[in-house]
Structure formats: C-alpha cells, structure tokens
Amino acid sequence: MSLYAWLDKRYQLGPLVGFLKHKEVPVGTHSLFWYYLGGLTLFFFSMQVASGALLLVYYQVGEQTSYESIRFITTKVPFGWLVRSIHCWSAHLMIVSLVAHMLSTLMLKAYRPPRELTWVSGFMLFAIALGFGFSGYLLPWNELAFFATAVGTDSVKAVPGIGEWLMQVLRGGPDVSGNTLYRFFSLHVVILPLATFAVVGLHLLLIQRQGMAPPLHPTGKRGMRFFPDFAMRDVLLWLVCLILLGSLAVFWPYGPRIPGVEWELGHKANPLAPAYPGIKPEWYFLWVYQILKEFPPHLLGMEGSQAALAAVSVLLGGWAVVPWLDRRARQGKPSPAFTDLGVAALLFVGFLTLKAWDIGGGGALQPDAHNVARACAIWILAAGLVVSGLRFAILRQKWFVLSGAALLHAALHGLFGMTYLAAGAVALLAAIAGVLLTLRGLGLGDAPVGLVVPPLVIPSLVLAVPPAKRAGDPP
C-alpha cells in the first residue's frame, strides 16, 4: 500500500487533492505579479518566526541581561550576527510586502463583495505587524530603543479619558523600566504571534472559501492552475527573496544607516542619561511621528497631540472600511476615485516621511524647517508628475482629484510657506469641490475634463513661481 493510500484511508485526502487540482488563479489585464504579494508576506513572516526562535535560544530578558545577551549573540555566538540581521531585515521587508499587497488589493478592487471581511482581516494583520515592530524595538535595551519607546508610549497619553491609564498599562508604571521590557517581550513573543496565527488562519480560510478575486476586466482566458503552476512560481519567488534577504543581511548587517532603518546595538540604555539626540521611530511610523510635530500645541479646544491622533485614527479607520465606501466596485464597475485614493495616500505618507527624514536639511541636528519642507515638496511634486503622467499615458486614467489635492497640499506648504494644517485645509476643500463636480456629472468619461489638469499643470506652475518671503528670510 502506498503512503498516499494509507493517509487517504485515515484522513480522506481525496477532497483536498480534488480542490487543489481545480483551484485556479484568475487571469485579467493586470499582471499576475500582484497575486504573489500575499504569499511573499507570509514568507517573510516565516523567516521572522524561524530567526526569532533561534534568537530566543540565547536572549535573556531583563534590565541586566537583555543588552548583554544581544551583544553576546552578535559577537560570540557563531553566525549570531547573521541571524539577528536576517530577523531585522525580514521585519522591514515584511512591512514593505504587506503594504504593497494592500495597495494592490485596493487598485484591483479585490475587496468587492463577498470579500469585504478578507480586506478587514488583512487590515488587522497590518496592525499586528506594526505592533511587532513597536514591541520588538525595545528588546535590545539600548539607548535608541529606550528613548524611542519613551517617546512612543508617551504619545498614548493623548487618547481622551484613558490616555494616562493606557500609558501606564504599556509601561507597567509611570516610566519606561524593566516592567516595560517584560511587557513588550511577552507582547512580542507570545501575544502577537498567537494573534497573527489566528488572523492569518482566518485570512487564508476566507481566501480558500471564496477564491481569489476575479478581475474587473477579464480576458476570457482560463485561469492559471494554482497547483503546480502558480505554486511553483511562488516557491521560485521565495527563493529569489531568500537570496535577497541573505545578501542584505551579509552586506548591511546593521541596516543602511538611515534613520528608522538601522539596528546597530550602540550603548546600553541608561534611564538617568539625557535624551538620545535625534530620536526617530521605525520608518513605517515616521509619517505619524511627523504629523504629531505638524500640529500646534492646541487646536479647536484639544491638545495638539489629541487632534493629531484623532486625524490619524480617522484616516486609518477610513482605510479599513473602504469596501463599504466604494459603491461602484460593489456593483462590479470601475472606481477610478478609489484608485486615485491609493495614489494620494502614497503621496501624503511619502511627503510626511521625507519631512521626518529631514530631506534638504543638510545633515544639521536642527535643520531649517522651511528648507526641509521645500526640498520634500519638490521631491513629491516630481514623483507625482511622473506617476500622473504614466497613469494618463499608459493606463488611460482620467481621475486625479485626490492625488492632485495631495500635490497641492505639498506645494502650498513647501513652496508657498503656508503652515501644514492651512495647506491641508485648502487641499481638502479643493478635493471636496472636485468630488462634488464629479458627482454632478460635469465631465467626460470617468472624470470632469478640468480635473485632469491640476496634477499635471499646477505643480509645474508652482515650481516656476518663487516661494513667498517669510519674516527673517534673507533678501
């Protein structure tokens, strides 16, 4: 009796084999590459689990042992530095692939019925991944991690009503201490992994039950067989990414030394030492870090930090309920507005991230805010022009209202010297006006003719106009 027959007799594998034989990956006018991003994210998470398990063999949590154990791993344990580097690089690459996966789902409208909960479970995985990054940052117990965690947990106080209590729950007391380290360790190696396995299981179950979302523009061709055709290509991509991950870990064992993408051990944390200069969080938190800086101390009767966190919550909440907001996709129709929403989100987050990196600041510890805003605006406007041109020339897209508003925001703030919030208010009003014009049907095709112009023409005109003079600026 063969092994398969023996197993089939006991576990009824026939239905599973039949399912794999008939499962297909839908083929449309878009590239099949986007379907590989989910599996790629799972691959990087698997590398996280494997490398994290190896690190746990030597890691000892505690104020007197965490830093020393990490130093022992990277200097004494054979290939310990490589395992830690793989763990750090795979964490960052997992976030990149996860964000790309969510954006591709948005662009392909793969969240349309009956797959709304698949999108929500993916959003939950994104939130859990951010929790992994935040909780794991403190575990080396070095200076940068200590003070970055102090700043990050302190921002929780802005939550109305329960902020102070929530901060003490995170820290295990009023200050970052050994209690905080123990709590973050348990969160990082027990609670979040269990939550991840549960949500990944739900996510995969929903995908298997409903199948991959069919394209809005099918080609009429039969889909690709999942096994072995798609699965073998998936494994090949994993091998390529394994080579990439290993190369990055060997040649940049402590990251590229960019703020938010570095993990050199440095000095041990000392709670009595002065604050670490130039503290910045991981790169995927930089936009939140920067938006907290852009808000004034008080706004509309609230603390500035409370208003900023409220704005971030509204943005993330809106992203989570996109399947219910996109009515055209629910009807199986193209929804150019939500495609443009994805582009606008990239421009919005990209502008804030560049500002947090102090692009154009000349490497100064306290760079000139006006110069930074101007340089970042030029970079975002250039990127926006290129992306808008490609969308119009290649994809024949004609709806640019939201991405145009994001570019207008960057131009008004960076080139004309308006405050970030004032420029944001003007851009928001422009976006609302554009959407209302679209709803009134004043255009041709998917968008009004006039709304094709702003993202392509306004930034070009802005670049040609000198910025307004500010008090104190040289003549």
Foldseek 3Di string as FASTA:
>chain_A
DDPVVVCCVPPVCPVVVVLLQPAFDADFPDDPVLVLLVVLLVLLVVLLVVLVVVLVVQADAFQVGQLVSLVCQCPPNVCSLLSLLLNQVSLVVSLVSLLSNLLVCLLQVQCAPPNLVLLLLSLVLNVLSVLLQLLVLCRNQAQLSQLLNQVVLQLQLLPPPCSQVSSCVCCVHNGNHSSNRVSSVCCNPPVSVVVNVVSVVVSVVSCSVVPGRHGLGHPPDDGHRCPPVVVVVSVVVSVVVVVVSSVCCVVPSQAPPQQQTGDDSHGHHDPVDPHDALRDHHLVCQLLVQLLVLFDCDDPRGGRSNVSVVVVVVVSVCSSNVNVVQVQVNVSHDDLVSNLVSVLVCLSSQLSSQVSSQVQQVPDSDGDSLRSLQRSLVVSLVVLQVVLVCCCPPVVDQANLSNLLSNQLSLCVRFAPDRSVVSNVVSVVSSVVQVVCQVVPCDDDNGRNVRSPRSNPVVVVSVVDGYDDDPPDDD
